[in-house]
Amino acid sequence: MVTIKLFGVTMGTNKTEEEIMKMEAEKNEQEQETTPPKRRKSRIKKTRTSSPPSPPAPLPLPMMQTIQEMEGKDQIFILGKILEWSDTAAAENRFLVPKSEVLWWQVLSEEERRAVEGGGAVAVTVVDPSGCKYNMMLRKWFSVNQIVLNSGWRKFVDGYKLKAEIDRVQVWSFRSGSKLCFAFNVKRQLQLQLQHH
């Protein structure tokens, strides 16, 4: 017989210490089987217009030629997003990157992740559908806990005449040597609607 003192009261049980320990182990195993594993929270906030990667449209020929001229390699489709008003607003000068595990874990190197998380930035080149190149910075805005592309984004918006709630971008990453680059394919929603009819 095992006796225990709980809240000042002495209690006894017919079970041996070995039986009690076995029952505790079984109880813990059952709890672990029924409790789903805890998911690790990402520090990258998801925006309302992000969407999981779906099969992207083929890249336009001028864009492909520029990527080839840059000796682009390791092309990875990251995401599709309908541009928001803040993405095209002159005062903002930035593209808010939706939460993307692909970008964070498959595209960025360890050094690039440290730079972004540490408040620094990564210099990148962005290629538009016509093959024009833009120099930008990939960084984290801690005020909104989001990854953004800026320092050149406004030039891209104006140069390609991007429209909020109308244009959908499909974002690819690639490397030119060791430099991180992005290809932004733009699809007008009006064009997409006409194709479905």
N, C-alpha and C. Protein backbone atom coordinates (compact mmCIF):
# COMPACT_ATOMS: atom_id res chain seq x y z
N MET A 1 0.84 -1.18 0.00
CA MET A 1 0.00 0.00 0.00
C MET A 1 0.88 1.24 0.00
N VAL A 2 0.50 2.20 -0.83
CA VAL A 2 1.23 3.46 -0.94
C VAL A 2 0.39 4.54 -0.30
N THR A 3 1.01 5.39 0.50
CA THR A 3 0.29 6.53 1.08
C THR A 3 0.90 7.81 0.56
N ILE A 4 0.00 8.78 0.31
CA ILE A 4 0.47 10.10 -0.12
C ILE A 4 -0.23 11.15 0.70
N LYS A 5 0.41 12.31 0.85
CA LYS A 5 -0.17 13.42 1.58
C LYS A 5 -0.49 14.50 0.56
N LEU A 6 -1.77 14.85 0.43
CA LEU A 6 -2.21 15.82 -0.56
C LEU A 6 -3.04 16.87 0.15
N PHE A 7 -2.63 18.12 0.05
CA PHE A 7 -3.33 19.23 0.69
C PHE A 7 -3.55 18.98 2.18
N GLY A 8 -2.54 18.41 2.82
CA GLY A 8 -2.61 18.18 4.27
C GLY A 8 -3.38 16.94 4.67
N VAL A 9 -3.89 16.19 3.72
CA VAL A 9 -4.68 14.99 4.03
C VAL A 9 -3.87 13.77 3.59
N THR A 10 -3.73 12.80 4.49
CA THR A 10 -3.02 11.58 4.15
C THR A 10 -4.00 10.59 3.54
N MET A 11 -3.62 10.07 2.34
CA MET A 11 -4.49 9.12 1.65
C MET A 11 -3.71 7.86 1.34
N GLY A 12 -4.41 6.78 1.25
CA GLY A 12 -3.78 5.51 0.92
C GLY A 12 -4.42 4.88 -0.30
N THR A 13 -3.69 4.01 -0.96
CA THR A 13 -4.21 3.30 -2.12
C THR A 13 -3.72 1.86 -2.08
N ASN A 14 -4.47 0.95 -2.68
CA ASN A 14 -4.10 -0.46 -2.72
C ASN A 14 -3.03 -0.72 -3.76
N LYS A 15 -2.81 0.22 -4.65
CA LYS A 15 -1.88 0.02 -5.75
C LYS A 15 -0.45 0.19 -5.25
N THR A 16 0.44 -0.55 -5.90
CA THR A 16 1.86 -0.41 -5.57
C THR A 16 2.42 0.80 -6.30
N GLU A 17 3.56 1.25 -5.87
CA GLU A 17 4.19 2.42 -6.50
C GLU A 17 4.45 2.15 -7.98
N GLU A 18 4.81 0.92 -8.31
CA GLU A 18 5.08 0.53 -9.68
C GLU A 18 3.81 0.63 -10.54
N GLU A 19 2.66 0.19 -10.00
CA GLU A 19 1.39 0.27 -10.73
C GLU A 19 0.98 1.72 -10.96
N ILE A 20 1.20 2.56 -9.97
CA ILE A 20 0.84 3.97 -10.09
C ILE A 20 1.68 4.63 -11.18
N MET A 21 2.98 4.35 -11.19
CA MET A 21 3.86 4.92 -12.21
C MET A 21 3.47 4.45 -13.61
N LYS A 22 3.05 3.18 -13.73
CA LYS A 22 2.62 2.64 -15.02
C LYS A 22 1.36 3.36 -15.49
N MET A 23 0.40 3.59 -14.56
CA MET A 23 -0.84 4.29 -14.91
C MET A 23 -0.53 5.72 -15.36
N GLU A 24 0.40 6.40 -14.69
CA GLU A 24 0.77 7.77 -15.07
C GLU A 24 1.38 7.80 -16.47
N ALA A 25 2.25 6.81 -16.77
CA ALA A 25 2.88 6.74 -18.09
C ALA A 25 1.84 6.52 -19.19
N GLU A 26 0.85 5.63 -18.93
CA GLU A 26 -0.21 5.38 -19.91
C GLU A 26 -1.05 6.64 -20.12
N LYS A 27 -1.34 7.35 -19.05
CA LYS A 27 -2.14 8.58 -19.13
C LYS A 27 -1.39 9.61 -19.98
N ASN A 28 -0.08 9.76 -19.76
CA ASN A 28 0.71 10.72 -20.54
C ASN A 28 0.75 10.34 -22.02
N GLU A 29 0.86 9.05 -22.32
CA GLU A 29 0.87 8.60 -23.71
C GLU A 29 -0.46 8.91 -24.39
N GLN A 30 -1.57 8.69 -23.68
CA GLN A 30 -2.89 8.98 -24.25
C GLN A 30 -3.04 10.47 -24.51
N GLU A 31 -2.57 11.32 -23.61
CA GLU A 31 -2.66 12.77 -23.80
C GLU A 31 -1.84 13.22 -25.01
N GLN A 32 -0.67 12.63 -25.18
CA GLN A 32 0.16 13.00 -26.32
C GLN A 32 -0.47 12.56 -27.64
N GLU A 33 -1.17 11.42 -27.64
CA GLU A 33 -1.81 10.95 -28.87
C GLU A 33 -3.00 11.82 -29.25
N THR A 34 -3.73 12.33 -28.26
CA THR A 34 -4.94 13.10 -28.56
C THR A 34 -4.66 14.59 -28.72
N THR A 35 -3.53 15.08 -28.24
CA THR A 35 -3.20 16.49 -28.37
C THR A 35 -2.45 16.72 -29.67
N PRO A 36 -2.99 17.58 -30.56
CA PRO A 36 -2.28 17.83 -31.82
C PRO A 36 -0.96 18.56 -31.52
N PRO A 37 0.05 18.33 -32.36
CA PRO A 37 1.33 19.02 -32.13
C PRO A 37 1.16 20.52 -32.28
N LYS A 38 1.85 21.28 -31.45
CA LYS A 38 1.76 22.73 -31.52
C LYS A 38 2.53 23.21 -32.74
N ARG A 39 1.91 24.14 -33.48
CA ARG A 39 2.56 24.70 -34.66
C ARG A 39 3.39 25.89 -34.24
N ARG A 40 4.54 26.00 -34.83
CA ARG A 40 5.40 27.14 -34.56
C ARG A 40 4.85 28.33 -35.33
N LYS A 41 4.67 29.45 -34.64
CA LYS A 41 4.15 30.63 -35.31
C LYS A 41 5.25 31.30 -36.12
N SER A 42 4.90 31.69 -37.32
CA SER A 42 5.84 32.43 -38.15
C SER A 42 5.77 33.89 -37.74
N ARG A 43 6.87 34.58 -37.88
CA ARG A 43 6.90 35.99 -37.54
C ARG A 43 6.46 36.86 -38.71
N ILE A 44 6.14 36.24 -39.82
CA ILE A 44 5.73 36.98 -41.01
C ILE A 44 4.21 37.01 -41.05
N LYS A 45 3.63 38.22 -41.05
CA LYS A 45 2.18 38.37 -41.03
C LYS A 45 1.59 38.09 -42.41
N LYS A 46 0.45 37.42 -42.43
CA LYS A 46 -0.22 37.10 -43.69
C LYS A 46 -1.17 38.24 -44.05
N THR A 47 -1.12 38.69 -45.29
CA THR A 47 -2.04 39.74 -45.72
C THR A 47 -3.27 39.09 -46.34
N ARG A 48 -4.34 39.87 -46.43
CA ARG A 48 -5.61 39.31 -46.87
C ARG A 48 -5.62 38.90 -48.33
N THR A 49 -4.71 39.42 -49.13
CA THR A 49 -4.75 39.09 -50.55
C THR A 49 -3.69 38.07 -50.94
N SER A 50 -3.01 37.51 -49.97
CA SER A 50 -2.03 36.49 -50.33
C SER A 50 -2.78 35.22 -50.71
N SER A 51 -2.15 34.44 -51.53
CA SER A 51 -2.78 33.18 -51.91
C SER A 51 -1.69 32.12 -52.00
N PRO A 52 -2.05 30.89 -51.74
CA PRO A 52 -1.03 29.86 -51.85
C PRO A 52 -0.56 29.74 -53.28
N PRO A 53 0.69 29.33 -53.45
CA PRO A 53 1.17 29.22 -54.82
C PRO A 53 0.29 28.31 -55.66
N SER A 54 -0.23 28.85 -56.75
CA SER A 54 -1.00 28.06 -57.69
C SER A 54 -0.18 28.04 -58.98
N PRO A 55 -0.51 27.17 -59.89
CA PRO A 55 0.31 27.12 -61.10
C PRO A 55 0.37 28.49 -61.77
N PRO A 56 1.56 29.03 -61.92
CA PRO A 56 1.69 30.36 -62.51
C PRO A 56 1.59 30.32 -64.03
N ALA A 57 1.32 31.50 -64.58
CA ALA A 57 1.30 31.64 -66.03
C ALA A 57 2.73 31.58 -66.54
N PRO A 58 2.93 31.18 -67.78
CA PRO A 58 4.29 31.19 -68.34
C PRO A 58 4.85 32.62 -68.34
N LEU A 59 6.14 32.74 -68.11
CA LEU A 59 6.76 34.07 -68.09
C LEU A 59 6.86 34.61 -69.51
N PRO A 60 6.66 35.92 -69.68
CA PRO A 60 6.76 36.53 -71.01
C PRO A 60 8.18 36.39 -71.57
N LEU A 61 8.30 36.33 -72.88
CA LEU A 61 9.58 36.15 -73.55
C LEU A 61 10.61 37.22 -73.18
N PRO A 62 10.25 38.53 -73.18
CA PRO A 62 11.26 39.54 -72.81
C PRO A 62 11.81 39.33 -71.39
N MET A 63 10.95 38.91 -70.48
CA MET A 63 11.39 38.65 -69.11
C MET A 63 12.35 37.46 -69.10
N MET A 64 11.99 36.40 -69.81
CA MET A 64 12.84 35.21 -69.87
C MET A 64 14.21 35.53 -70.49
N GLN A 65 14.21 36.39 -71.52
CA GLN A 65 15.47 36.77 -72.16
C GLN A 65 16.37 37.53 -71.18
N THR A 66 15.78 38.44 -70.40
CA THR A 66 16.57 39.19 -69.42
C THR A 66 17.13 38.26 -68.35
N ILE A 67 16.31 37.34 -67.86
CA ILE A 67 16.78 36.37 -66.86
C ILE A 67 17.92 35.55 -67.43
N GLN A 68 17.79 35.15 -68.71
CA GLN A 68 18.85 34.36 -69.36
C GLN A 68 20.13 35.19 -69.51
N GLU A 69 19.99 36.48 -69.89
CA GLU A 69 21.15 37.36 -70.01
C GLU A 69 21.86 37.54 -68.66
N MET A 70 21.08 37.51 -67.59
CA MET A 70 21.64 37.65 -66.23
C MET A 70 22.19 36.32 -65.72
N GLU A 71 22.12 35.29 -66.57
CA GLU A 71 22.52 33.93 -66.19
C GLU A 71 21.76 33.46 -64.96
N GLY A 72 20.46 33.73 -64.97
CA GLY A 72 19.59 33.38 -63.85
C GLY A 72 19.47 31.88 -63.66
N LYS A 73 19.53 31.46 -62.42
CA LYS A 73 19.39 30.03 -62.09
C LYS A 73 18.54 29.89 -60.83
N ASP A 74 18.16 28.67 -60.52
CA ASP A 74 17.37 28.37 -59.31
C ASP A 74 16.05 29.13 -59.27
N GLN A 75 15.30 29.12 -60.37
CA GLN A 75 14.01 29.81 -60.41
C GLN A 75 13.00 29.07 -59.54
N ILE A 76 12.34 29.83 -58.66
CA ILE A 76 11.33 29.26 -57.76
C ILE A 76 10.11 30.18 -57.77
N PHE A 77 8.94 29.60 -58.01
CA PHE A 77 7.70 30.38 -57.91
C PHE A 77 7.38 30.56 -56.43
N ILE A 78 7.18 31.83 -56.02
CA ILE A 78 6.96 32.13 -54.60
C ILE A 78 5.49 32.34 -54.28
N LEU A 79 4.83 33.25 -55.00
CA LEU A 79 3.46 33.61 -54.62
C LEU A 79 2.75 34.37 -55.71
N GLY A 80 1.44 34.46 -55.55
CA GLY A 80 0.60 35.32 -56.37
C GLY A 80 -0.15 36.26 -55.44
N LYS A 81 -0.34 37.49 -55.89
CA LYS A 81 -1.02 38.48 -55.03
C LYS A 81 -1.70 39.52 -55.90
N ILE A 82 -2.94 39.86 -55.54
CA ILE A 82 -3.61 41.00 -56.16
C ILE A 82 -3.09 42.23 -55.44
N LEU A 83 -2.61 43.21 -56.20
CA LEU A 83 -2.04 44.40 -55.57
C LEU A 83 -3.07 45.14 -54.74
N GLU A 84 -2.65 45.58 -53.57
CA GLU A 84 -3.51 46.36 -52.67
C GLU A 84 -3.24 47.84 -52.92
N TRP A 85 -4.13 48.68 -52.40
CA TRP A 85 -3.97 50.13 -52.56
C TRP A 85 -2.64 50.59 -52.00
N SER A 86 -2.25 50.05 -50.87
CA SER A 86 -0.99 50.47 -50.26
C SER A 86 0.23 50.06 -51.10
N ASP A 87 0.09 49.01 -51.91
CA ASP A 87 1.20 48.59 -52.78
C ASP A 87 1.45 49.57 -53.91
N THR A 88 0.43 50.33 -54.29
CA THR A 88 0.57 51.25 -55.42
C THR A 88 0.53 52.71 -54.99
N ALA A 89 0.30 52.99 -53.71
CA ALA A 89 0.22 54.37 -53.22
C ALA A 89 1.59 55.05 -53.30
N ALA A 90 1.61 56.26 -53.83
CA ALA A 90 2.87 57.00 -53.99
C ALA A 90 3.57 57.23 -52.66
N ALA A 91 2.80 57.46 -51.61
CA ALA A 91 3.39 57.75 -50.30
C ALA A 91 4.06 56.52 -49.67
N GLU A 92 3.66 55.34 -50.08
CA GLU A 92 4.17 54.11 -49.46
C GLU A 92 5.51 53.65 -50.06
N ASN A 93 5.62 53.65 -51.39
CA ASN A 93 6.82 53.19 -52.09
C ASN A 93 7.31 51.84 -51.60
N ARG A 94 6.39 50.88 -51.53
CA ARG A 94 6.80 49.53 -51.12
C ARG A 94 5.77 48.50 -51.55
N PHE A 95 6.27 47.26 -51.75
CA PHE A 95 5.41 46.11 -52.03
C PHE A 95 5.40 45.27 -50.76
N LEU A 96 4.23 45.09 -50.19
CA LEU A 96 4.07 44.29 -48.98
C LEU A 96 4.06 42.81 -49.40
N VAL A 97 5.07 42.08 -48.97
CA VAL A 97 5.20 40.68 -49.35
C VAL A 97 4.32 39.83 -48.43
N PRO A 98 3.34 39.10 -48.98
CA PRO A 98 2.52 38.23 -48.14
C PRO A 98 3.39 37.17 -47.48
N LYS A 99 2.89 36.66 -46.37
CA LYS A 99 3.60 35.59 -45.68
C LYS A 99 3.93 34.49 -46.69
N SER A 100 5.17 34.08 -46.70
CA SER A 100 5.58 33.05 -47.65
C SER A 100 6.66 32.18 -47.04
N GLU A 101 6.29 30.97 -46.70
CA GLU A 101 7.27 30.02 -46.19
C GLU A 101 8.29 29.69 -47.28
N VAL A 102 7.84 29.71 -48.54
CA VAL A 102 8.75 29.42 -49.66
C VAL A 102 9.85 30.48 -49.68
N LEU A 103 9.47 31.76 -49.62
CA LEU A 103 10.46 32.83 -49.63
C LEU A 103 11.40 32.70 -48.43
N TRP A 104 10.82 32.54 -47.26
CA TRP A 104 11.62 32.56 -46.04
C TRP A 104 12.56 31.37 -45.93
N TRP A 105 12.09 30.16 -46.24
CA TRP A 105 12.90 28.96 -46.00
C TRP A 105 13.57 28.38 -47.23
N GLN A 106 13.02 28.60 -48.43
CA GLN A 106 13.62 27.99 -49.63
C GLN A 106 14.43 28.97 -50.46
N VAL A 107 14.08 30.26 -50.37
CA VAL A 107 14.73 31.24 -51.24
C VAL A 107 15.85 31.99 -50.52
N LEU A 108 15.53 32.56 -49.37
CA LEU A 108 16.53 33.35 -48.65
C LEU A 108 17.60 32.45 -48.04
N SER A 109 18.84 32.89 -48.16
CA SER A 109 19.94 32.17 -47.51
C SER A 109 19.91 32.50 -46.01
N GLU A 110 20.64 31.76 -45.25
CA GLU A 110 20.73 32.02 -43.80
C GLU A 110 21.21 33.45 -43.56
N GLU A 111 22.20 33.87 -44.30
CA GLU A 111 22.75 35.22 -44.15
C GLU A 111 21.70 36.28 -44.48
N GLU A 112 20.92 36.05 -45.54
CA GLU A 112 19.87 37.01 -45.93
C GLU A 112 18.77 37.06 -44.88
N ARG A 113 18.39 35.90 -44.33
CA ARG A 113 17.38 35.88 -43.26
C ARG A 113 17.85 36.68 -42.05
N ARG A 114 19.13 36.48 -41.67
CA ARG A 114 19.68 37.22 -40.52
C ARG A 114 19.66 38.72 -40.78
N ALA A 115 20.03 39.12 -42.00
CA ALA A 115 20.05 40.55 -42.34
C ALA A 115 18.65 41.15 -42.22
N VAL A 116 17.65 40.46 -42.77
CA VAL A 116 16.28 40.96 -42.75
C VAL A 116 15.73 41.00 -41.32
N GLU A 117 15.93 39.92 -40.56
CA GLU A 117 15.44 39.86 -39.17
C GLU A 117 16.17 40.84 -38.26
N GLY A 118 17.43 41.14 -38.60
CA GLY A 118 18.24 42.03 -37.78
C GLY A 118 18.03 43.51 -38.07
N GLY A 119 17.09 43.83 -38.94
CA GLY A 119 16.81 45.23 -39.24
C GLY A 119 17.57 45.76 -40.45
N GLY A 120 18.36 44.91 -41.07
CA GLY A 120 19.08 45.31 -42.28
C GLY A 120 18.25 45.07 -43.52
N ALA A 121 18.91 45.06 -44.65
CA ALA A 121 18.21 44.85 -45.92
C ALA A 121 19.10 44.04 -46.85
N VAL A 122 18.47 43.48 -47.87
CA VAL A 122 19.17 42.71 -48.89
C VAL A 122 18.92 43.41 -50.23
N ALA A 123 20.00 43.78 -50.91
CA ALA A 123 19.88 44.41 -52.23
C ALA A 123 19.46 43.34 -53.24
N VAL A 124 18.40 43.63 -54.00
CA VAL A 124 17.87 42.68 -54.99
C VAL A 124 17.64 43.39 -56.31
N THR A 125 17.51 42.61 -57.36
CA THR A 125 17.12 43.12 -58.68
C THR A 125 15.76 42.52 -59.01
N VAL A 126 14.85 43.37 -59.49
CA VAL A 126 13.51 42.92 -59.88
C VAL A 126 13.37 43.11 -61.39
N VAL A 127 12.87 42.08 -62.07
CA VAL A 127 12.66 42.13 -63.51
C VAL A 127 11.16 42.18 -63.78
N ASP A 128 10.73 43.13 -64.62
CA ASP A 128 9.30 43.23 -64.95
C ASP A 128 9.00 42.43 -66.22
N PRO A 129 7.73 42.30 -66.60
CA PRO A 129 7.38 41.47 -67.76
C PRO A 129 8.02 41.91 -69.08
N SER A 130 8.36 43.21 -69.19
CA SER A 130 8.98 43.67 -70.43
C SER A 130 10.50 43.50 -70.41
N GLY A 131 11.03 42.96 -69.30
CA GLY A 131 12.46 42.69 -69.21
C GLY A 131 13.27 43.81 -68.58
N CYS A 132 12.61 44.90 -68.16
CA CYS A 132 13.33 46.00 -67.50
C CYS A 132 13.73 45.57 -66.09
N LYS A 133 14.88 46.09 -65.63
CA LYS A 133 15.40 45.74 -64.31
C LYS A 133 15.30 46.93 -63.37
N TYR A 134 15.01 46.64 -62.11
CA TYR A 134 14.90 47.66 -61.07
C TYR A 134 15.70 47.20 -59.85
N ASN A 135 16.48 48.10 -59.28
CA ASN A 135 17.20 47.79 -58.04
C ASN A 135 16.31 48.14 -56.87
N MET A 136 16.16 47.19 -55.95
CA MET A 136 15.31 47.39 -54.77
C MET A 136 15.98 46.78 -53.55
N MET A 137 15.33 46.99 -52.41
CA MET A 137 15.80 46.43 -51.15
C MET A 137 14.70 45.56 -50.55
N LEU A 138 15.09 44.39 -50.07
CA LEU A 138 14.18 43.50 -49.35
C LEU A 138 14.49 43.68 -47.87
N ARG A 139 13.48 44.07 -47.09
CA ARG A 139 13.70 44.30 -45.67
C ARG A 139 12.43 44.02 -44.89
N LYS A 140 12.54 44.06 -43.59
CA LYS A 140 11.37 43.86 -42.73
C LYS A 140 10.98 45.19 -42.12
N TRP A 141 9.69 45.51 -42.22
CA TRP A 141 9.16 46.67 -41.52
C TRP A 141 8.61 46.16 -40.21
N PHE A 142 9.30 46.46 -39.14
CA PHE A 142 8.93 45.94 -37.82
C PHE A 142 7.63 46.57 -37.32
N SER A 143 7.30 47.76 -37.79
CA SER A 143 6.05 48.42 -37.35
C SER A 143 4.82 47.61 -37.73
N VAL A 144 4.91 46.87 -38.85
CA VAL A 144 3.79 46.03 -39.28
C VAL A 144 4.17 44.56 -39.32
N ASN A 145 5.41 44.25 -38.89
CA ASN A 145 5.92 42.88 -38.86
C ASN A 145 5.76 42.19 -40.21
N GLN A 146 6.17 42.89 -41.27
CA GLN A 146 6.03 42.39 -42.64
C GLN A 146 7.33 42.57 -43.42
N ILE A 147 7.54 41.67 -44.37
CA ILE A 147 8.64 41.80 -45.31
C ILE A 147 8.15 42.69 -46.45
N VAL A 148 9.00 43.62 -46.89
CA VAL A 148 8.64 44.53 -47.98
C VAL A 148 9.77 44.62 -48.99
N LEU A 149 9.41 44.99 -50.21
CA LEU A 149 10.36 45.40 -51.23
C LEU A 149 10.19 46.89 -51.40
N ASN A 150 11.27 47.66 -51.27
CA ASN A 150 11.15 49.11 -51.46
C ASN A 150 12.42 49.67 -52.09
N SER A 151 12.62 50.97 -51.97
CA SER A 151 13.78 51.66 -52.56
C SER A 151 13.88 51.35 -54.05
N GLY A 152 12.86 51.69 -54.79
CA GLY A 152 12.83 51.41 -56.22
C GLY A 152 11.49 50.85 -56.65
N TRP A 153 10.66 50.49 -55.68
CA TRP A 153 9.33 49.93 -55.99
C TRP A 153 8.48 50.95 -56.74
N ARG A 154 8.54 52.24 -56.34
CA ARG A 154 7.71 53.27 -56.96
C ARG A 154 8.03 53.38 -58.45
N LYS A 155 9.31 53.28 -58.80
CA LYS A 155 9.73 53.34 -60.20
C LYS A 155 9.08 52.20 -60.99
N PHE A 156 9.03 51.02 -60.39
CA PHE A 156 8.41 49.85 -61.03
C PHE A 156 6.91 50.09 -61.22
N VAL A 157 6.24 50.59 -60.17
CA VAL A 157 4.80 50.85 -60.24
C VAL A 157 4.49 51.84 -61.36
N ASP A 158 5.26 52.94 -61.40
CA ASP A 158 5.04 53.97 -62.43
C ASP A 158 5.42 53.46 -63.82
N GLY A 159 6.53 52.76 -63.91
CA GLY A 159 7.02 52.28 -65.20
C GLY A 159 6.10 51.26 -65.83
N TYR A 160 5.49 50.43 -65.00
CA TYR A 160 4.60 49.40 -65.54
C TYR A 160 3.13 49.75 -65.37
N LYS A 161 2.86 50.94 -64.82
CA LYS A 161 1.49 51.46 -64.63
C LYS A 161 0.61 50.46 -63.87
N LEU A 162 1.12 50.01 -62.73
CA LEU A 162 0.40 49.03 -61.93
C LEU A 162 -0.83 49.65 -61.27
N LYS A 163 -1.89 48.87 -61.18
CA LYS A 163 -3.17 49.32 -60.61
C LYS A 163 -3.58 48.40 -59.46
N ALA A 164 -3.97 49.03 -58.36
CA ALA A 164 -4.45 48.28 -57.20
C ALA A 164 -5.78 47.62 -57.52
N GLU A 165 -6.00 46.45 -56.95
CA GLU A 165 -7.23 45.68 -57.08
C GLU A 165 -7.51 45.24 -58.53
N ILE A 166 -6.63 45.55 -59.46
CA ILE A 166 -6.79 45.16 -60.85
C ILE A 166 -5.66 44.23 -61.27
N ASP A 167 -4.44 44.59 -60.87
CA ASP A 167 -3.28 43.80 -61.28
C ASP A 167 -2.95 42.72 -60.25
N ARG A 168 -2.68 41.54 -60.79
CA ARG A 168 -2.24 40.41 -59.97
C ARG A 168 -0.79 40.13 -60.35
N VAL A 169 0.08 40.06 -59.34
CA VAL A 169 1.47 39.77 -59.61
C VAL A 169 1.78 38.33 -59.24
N GLN A 170 2.61 37.72 -60.04
CA GLN A 170 3.13 36.39 -59.76
C GLN A 170 4.62 36.58 -59.57
N VAL A 171 5.11 36.20 -58.41
CA VAL A 171 6.49 36.50 -58.03
C VAL A 171 7.34 35.24 -58.08
N TRP A 172 8.41 35.33 -58.82
CA TRP A 172 9.41 34.26 -58.93
C TRP A 172 10.71 34.79 -58.33
N SER A 173 11.52 33.89 -57.79
CA SER A 173 12.86 34.28 -57.38
C SER A 173 13.85 33.53 -58.26
N PHE A 174 15.03 34.10 -58.39
CA PHE A 174 16.13 33.42 -59.06
C PHE A 174 17.42 34.05 -58.58
N ARG A 175 18.52 33.44 -58.91
CA ARG A 175 19.84 33.96 -58.52
C ARG A 175 20.62 34.31 -59.78
N SER A 176 21.26 35.47 -59.73
CA SER A 176 22.21 35.87 -60.77
C SER A 176 23.56 35.87 -60.08
N GLY A 177 24.33 34.81 -60.31
CA GLY A 177 25.51 34.58 -59.47
C GLY A 177 24.99 34.25 -58.09
N SER A 178 25.41 35.02 -57.09
CA SER A 178 24.87 34.80 -55.74
C SER A 178 23.81 35.83 -55.38
N LYS A 179 23.57 36.80 -56.28
CA LYS A 179 22.61 37.87 -55.99
C LYS A 179 21.17 37.40 -56.11
N LEU A 180 20.36 37.74 -55.11
CA LEU A 180 18.94 37.41 -55.10
C LEU A 180 18.21 38.34 -56.06
N CYS A 181 17.37 37.77 -56.91
CA CYS A 181 16.59 38.53 -57.88
C CYS A 181 15.15 38.03 -57.87
N PHE A 182 14.25 38.88 -58.34
CA PHE A 182 12.85 38.51 -58.44
C PHE A 182 12.34 38.86 -59.84
N ALA A 183 11.41 38.05 -60.33
CA ALA A 183 10.71 38.32 -61.58
C ALA A 183 9.24 38.52 -61.21
N PHE A 184 8.71 39.68 -61.55
CA PHE A 184 7.31 40.01 -61.26
C PHE A 184 6.52 39.95 -62.56
N ASN A 185 5.75 38.88 -62.74
CA ASN A 185 4.86 38.78 -63.89
C ASN A 185 3.54 39.43 -63.49
N VAL A 186 3.00 40.28 -64.35
CA VAL A 186 1.78 41.02 -64.03
C VAL A 186 0.65 40.56 -64.92
N LYS A 187 -0.48 40.25 -64.29
CA LYS A 187 -1.69 39.87 -65.03
C LYS A 187 -2.80 40.82 -64.63
N ARG A 188 -3.43 41.44 -65.61
CA ARG A 188 -4.55 42.33 -65.34
C ARG A 188 -5.79 41.47 -65.11
N GLN A 189 -6.53 41.77 -64.04
CA GLN A 189 -7.73 41.00 -63.70
C GLN A 189 -8.75 41.04 -64.83
N LEU A 190 -8.86 42.15 -65.52
CA LEU A 190 -9.80 42.26 -66.64
C LEU A 190 -9.44 41.22 -67.71
N GLN A 191 -8.14 41.08 -67.99
CA GLN A 191 -7.71 40.08 -68.96
C GLN A 191 -8.07 38.69 -68.49
N LEU A 192 -7.88 38.43 -67.18
CA LEU A 192 -8.19 37.10 -66.65
C LEU A 192 -9.67 36.80 -66.76
N GLN A 193 -10.53 37.81 -66.49
CA GLN A 193 -11.97 37.61 -66.57
C GLN A 193 -12.40 37.33 -68.00
N LEU A 194 -11.82 38.06 -68.96
CA LEU A 194 -12.18 37.87 -70.35
C LEU A 194 -11.78 36.47 -70.84
N GLN A 195 -10.65 35.97 -70.33
CA GLN A 195 -10.20 34.64 -70.75
C GLN A 195 -11.14 33.55 -70.25
N HIS A 196 -11.81 33.76 -69.12
CA HIS A 196 -12.70 32.75 -68.57
C HIS A 196 -14.06 32.72 -69.24
N HIS A 197 -14.41 33.74 -70.04
CA HIS A 197 -15.74 33.78 -70.68
C HIS A 197 -15.69 33.25 -72.07
